[in-house]
Amino acid sequence: MAKGVFYHAGCPVCVEAEQVFLDYLDPSKVQVEVVHLGTDRSRIEEAEQAGVKSVPALVINQVVYHINYGASLDAVKES
C-alpha cells in the first residue's frame, strides 16, 4: 500500500481540496495522513524537504502533487 501525506493550511482552497481529493483516493491503495501546517508548524520543515512549495499539496511515494494554489509555504511560515 502506498503512503501519502496531504499538507494544507486550513484555507478554503485547502479544505475543499482535502474533501474532494481524499474522497476520490482508494483507501485500499493509498493511506493518507492529513497534516494541517497552520496547527502543526513542526511539520513545515518536513513538507519543505518533501518538495512542497505551496499548499494544498499531496505527497505520495515521494512525488509532490501541487493541487491548487492556496498559499505558498513561505506564507504559511510567516503566519
N, C-alpha and C. Protein backbone atom coordinates (compact mmCIF):
# COMPACT_ATOMS: atom_id res chain seq x y z
N MET A 1 0.84 -1.18 0.00
CA MET A 1 0.00 0.00 0.00
C MET A 1 0.89 1.24 0.00
N ALA A 2 0.52 2.22 -0.81
CA ALA A 2 1.25 3.48 -0.87
C ALA A 2 0.88 4.33 0.35
N LYS A 3 1.83 5.15 0.76
CA LYS A 3 1.58 6.08 1.85
C LYS A 3 1.67 7.49 1.30
N GLY A 4 0.78 8.34 1.78
CA GLY A 4 0.76 9.71 1.32
C GLY A 4 0.55 10.67 2.48
N VAL A 5 0.89 11.93 2.21
CA VAL A 5 0.65 12.99 3.18
C VAL A 5 -0.01 14.13 2.43
N PHE A 6 -1.15 14.58 2.94
CA PHE A 6 -1.84 15.74 2.39
C PHE A 6 -1.54 16.91 3.29
N TYR A 7 -0.77 17.88 2.78
CA TYR A 7 -0.41 19.07 3.54
C TYR A 7 -1.36 20.21 3.18
N HIS A 8 -1.84 20.92 4.21
CA HIS A 8 -2.67 22.08 3.95
C HIS A 8 -2.52 23.07 5.10
N ALA A 9 -3.14 24.25 4.93
CA ALA A 9 -3.02 25.29 5.94
C ALA A 9 -4.37 25.76 6.46
N GLY A 10 -5.42 25.05 6.10
CA GLY A 10 -6.73 25.38 6.63
C GLY A 10 -7.51 26.43 5.84
N CYS A 11 -6.94 26.95 4.77
CA CYS A 11 -7.64 27.95 3.98
C CYS A 11 -8.79 27.28 3.20
N PRO A 12 -9.73 28.05 2.68
CA PRO A 12 -10.86 27.46 1.96
C PRO A 12 -10.44 26.59 0.78
N VAL A 13 -9.42 27.00 0.04
CA VAL A 13 -8.93 26.20 -1.08
C VAL A 13 -8.42 24.85 -0.58
N CYS A 14 -7.68 24.88 0.53
CA CYS A 14 -7.13 23.65 1.10
C CYS A 14 -8.21 22.71 1.59
N VAL A 15 -9.19 23.25 2.28
CA VAL A 15 -10.27 22.44 2.84
C VAL A 15 -11.07 21.78 1.72
N GLU A 16 -11.37 22.54 0.68
CA GLU A 16 -12.11 21.98 -0.45
C GLU A 16 -11.30 20.88 -1.14
N ALA A 17 -10.01 21.13 -1.35
CA ALA A 17 -9.15 20.13 -1.99
C ALA A 17 -9.07 18.86 -1.15
N GLU A 18 -8.96 19.02 0.16
CA GLU A 18 -8.91 17.85 1.04
C GLU A 18 -10.18 17.02 0.89
N GLN A 19 -11.32 17.65 0.92
CA GLN A 19 -12.59 16.93 0.80
C GLN A 19 -12.70 16.20 -0.54
N VAL A 20 -12.36 16.89 -1.61
CA VAL A 20 -12.50 16.31 -2.95
C VAL A 20 -11.49 15.20 -3.19
N PHE A 21 -10.21 15.50 -2.97
CA PHE A 21 -9.18 14.53 -3.31
C PHE A 21 -9.22 13.29 -2.43
N LEU A 22 -9.41 13.47 -1.13
CA LEU A 22 -9.40 12.31 -0.26
C LEU A 22 -10.63 11.42 -0.49
N ASP A 23 -11.70 12.03 -0.97
CA ASP A 23 -12.89 11.25 -1.34
C ASP A 23 -12.62 10.33 -2.53
N TYR A 24 -11.77 10.79 -3.45
CA TYR A 24 -11.53 10.05 -4.67
C TYR A 24 -10.39 9.04 -4.57
N LEU A 25 -9.54 9.15 -3.58
CA LEU A 25 -8.44 8.20 -3.44
C LEU A 25 -8.94 6.89 -2.87
N ASP A 26 -8.48 5.81 -3.43
CA ASP A 26 -8.90 4.47 -2.99
C ASP A 26 -8.13 4.10 -1.73
N PRO A 27 -8.81 4.00 -0.58
CA PRO A 27 -8.11 3.69 0.68
C PRO A 27 -7.48 2.31 0.70
N SER A 28 -7.82 1.43 -0.24
CA SER A 28 -7.17 0.13 -0.30
C SER A 28 -5.83 0.22 -1.04
N LYS A 29 -5.58 1.38 -1.70
CA LYS A 29 -4.34 1.56 -2.45
C LYS A 29 -3.40 2.59 -1.85
N VAL A 30 -3.96 3.57 -1.14
CA VAL A 30 -3.13 4.62 -0.55
C VAL A 30 -3.67 5.01 0.81
N GLN A 31 -2.77 5.07 1.79
CA GLN A 31 -3.10 5.50 3.14
C GLN A 31 -2.60 6.94 3.26
N VAL A 32 -3.51 7.88 3.51
CA VAL A 32 -3.15 9.29 3.53
C VAL A 32 -3.26 9.87 4.94
N GLU A 33 -2.20 10.53 5.34
CA GLU A 33 -2.17 11.28 6.59
C GLU A 33 -2.43 12.75 6.24
N VAL A 34 -3.31 13.40 6.95
CA VAL A 34 -3.60 14.82 6.72
C VAL A 34 -2.83 15.63 7.75
N VAL A 35 -2.07 16.62 7.24
CA VAL A 35 -1.26 17.47 8.12
C VAL A 35 -1.68 18.93 7.90
N HIS A 36 -2.21 19.55 8.94
CA HIS A 36 -2.60 20.96 8.91
C HIS A 36 -1.39 21.75 9.40
N LEU A 37 -0.69 22.40 8.47
CA LEU A 37 0.55 23.10 8.82
C LEU A 37 0.30 24.35 9.66
N GLY A 38 -0.92 24.85 9.66
CA GLY A 38 -1.24 26.01 10.49
C GLY A 38 -1.28 25.65 11.97
N THR A 39 -1.67 24.41 12.27
CA THR A 39 -1.74 23.99 13.67
C THR A 39 -0.58 23.07 14.06
N ASP A 40 0.08 22.49 13.08
CA ASP A 40 1.22 21.61 13.36
C ASP A 40 2.46 22.16 12.65
N ARG A 41 2.90 23.31 13.12
CA ARG A 41 4.00 24.03 12.47
C ARG A 41 5.31 23.25 12.49
N SER A 42 5.43 22.29 13.38
CA SER A 42 6.65 21.49 13.45
C SER A 42 6.84 20.63 12.20
N ARG A 43 5.82 20.50 11.38
CA ARG A 43 5.90 19.66 10.19
C ARG A 43 6.24 20.46 8.92
N ILE A 44 6.39 21.80 9.05
CA ILE A 44 6.70 22.63 7.88
C ILE A 44 8.02 22.21 7.25
N GLU A 45 9.03 21.99 8.06
CA GLU A 45 10.34 21.59 7.52
C GLU A 45 10.24 20.26 6.77
N GLU A 46 9.48 19.34 7.30
CA GLU A 46 9.24 18.06 6.64
C GLU A 46 8.61 18.27 5.26
N ALA A 47 7.62 19.15 5.20
CA ALA A 47 6.95 19.45 3.93
C ALA A 47 7.95 20.04 2.93
N GLU A 48 8.77 20.97 3.40
CA GLU A 48 9.80 21.57 2.53
C GLU A 48 10.75 20.51 2.00
N GLN A 49 11.21 19.62 2.86
CA GLN A 49 12.14 18.57 2.45
C GLN A 49 11.50 17.61 1.45
N ALA A 50 10.19 17.46 1.54
CA ALA A 50 9.47 16.59 0.60
C ALA A 50 9.31 17.26 -0.76
N GLY A 51 9.54 18.59 -0.82
CA GLY A 51 9.42 19.31 -2.09
C GLY A 51 8.17 20.15 -2.22
N VAL A 52 7.42 20.28 -1.14
CA VAL A 52 6.20 21.07 -1.18
C VAL A 52 6.56 22.56 -1.28
N LYS A 53 5.97 23.25 -2.25
CA LYS A 53 6.21 24.68 -2.46
C LYS A 53 4.99 25.51 -2.08
N SER A 54 3.81 24.91 -2.17
CA SER A 54 2.57 25.59 -1.82
C SER A 54 1.58 24.55 -1.34
N VAL A 55 0.57 25.04 -0.64
CA VAL A 55 -0.48 24.14 -0.16
C VAL A 55 -1.80 24.56 -0.79
N PRO A 56 -2.69 23.63 -1.00
CA PRO A 56 -2.63 22.23 -0.63
C PRO A 56 -1.71 21.43 -1.55
N ALA A 57 -1.12 20.40 -0.98
CA ALA A 57 -0.25 19.51 -1.74
C ALA A 57 -0.38 18.09 -1.20
N LEU A 58 -0.29 17.16 -2.10
CA LEU A 58 -0.37 15.75 -1.74
C LEU A 58 0.95 15.11 -2.14
N VAL A 59 1.58 14.42 -1.21
CA VAL A 59 2.83 13.71 -1.48
C VAL A 59 2.55 12.22 -1.36
N ILE A 60 2.77 11.50 -2.47
CA ILE A 60 2.59 10.05 -2.48
C ILE A 60 3.87 9.44 -3.03
N ASN A 61 4.44 8.52 -2.26
CA ASN A 61 5.68 7.85 -2.67
C ASN A 61 6.75 8.84 -3.11
N GLN A 62 6.92 9.90 -2.35
CA GLN A 62 7.94 10.92 -2.54
C GLN A 62 7.73 11.76 -3.80
N VAL A 63 6.54 11.75 -4.37
CA VAL A 63 6.20 12.60 -5.51
C VAL A 63 5.19 13.63 -5.02
N VAL A 64 5.47 14.92 -5.30
CA VAL A 64 4.61 16.01 -4.83
C VAL A 64 3.62 16.39 -5.92
N TYR A 65 2.35 16.48 -5.52
CA TYR A 65 1.30 16.94 -6.42
C TYR A 65 0.73 18.23 -5.81
N HIS A 66 1.06 19.35 -6.45
CA HIS A 66 0.52 20.64 -6.01
C HIS A 66 -0.86 20.77 -6.64
N ILE A 67 -1.88 20.75 -5.81
CA ILE A 67 -3.25 20.61 -6.29
C ILE A 67 -3.83 21.92 -6.79
N ASN A 68 -3.74 22.95 -6.02
CA ASN A 68 -4.28 24.25 -6.37
C ASN A 68 -3.51 25.24 -5.51
N TYR A 69 -3.47 26.48 -5.91
CA TYR A 69 -2.68 27.43 -5.14
C TYR A 69 -3.52 28.06 -4.04
N GLY A 70 -3.27 27.65 -2.82
CA GLY A 70 -3.92 28.25 -1.66
C GLY A 70 -2.99 29.24 -0.99
N ALA A 71 -1.76 28.80 -0.73
CA ALA A 71 -0.75 29.66 -0.10
C ALA A 71 0.63 29.05 -0.32
N SER A 72 1.62 29.93 -0.46
CA SER A 72 3.00 29.43 -0.56
C SER A 72 3.43 28.92 0.79
N LEU A 73 4.41 28.06 0.81
CA LEU A 73 4.92 27.56 2.08
C LEU A 73 5.58 28.71 2.87
N ASP A 74 6.16 29.67 2.16
CA ASP A 74 6.73 30.84 2.84
C ASP A 74 5.65 31.63 3.59
N ALA A 75 4.49 31.78 2.97
CA ALA A 75 3.39 32.49 3.63
C ALA A 75 2.89 31.73 4.86
N VAL A 76 2.88 30.40 4.77
CA VAL A 76 2.48 29.58 5.90
C VAL A 76 3.46 29.76 7.06
N LYS A 77 4.75 29.82 6.72
CA LYS A 77 5.77 30.01 7.76
C LYS A 77 5.63 31.35 8.46
N GLU A 78 5.24 32.36 7.71
CA GLU A 78 5.12 33.73 8.26
C GLU A 78 3.86 33.93 9.09
N SER A 79 2.86 33.10 8.88
CA SER A 79 1.60 33.32 9.60
C SER A 79 1.63 32.80 11.01
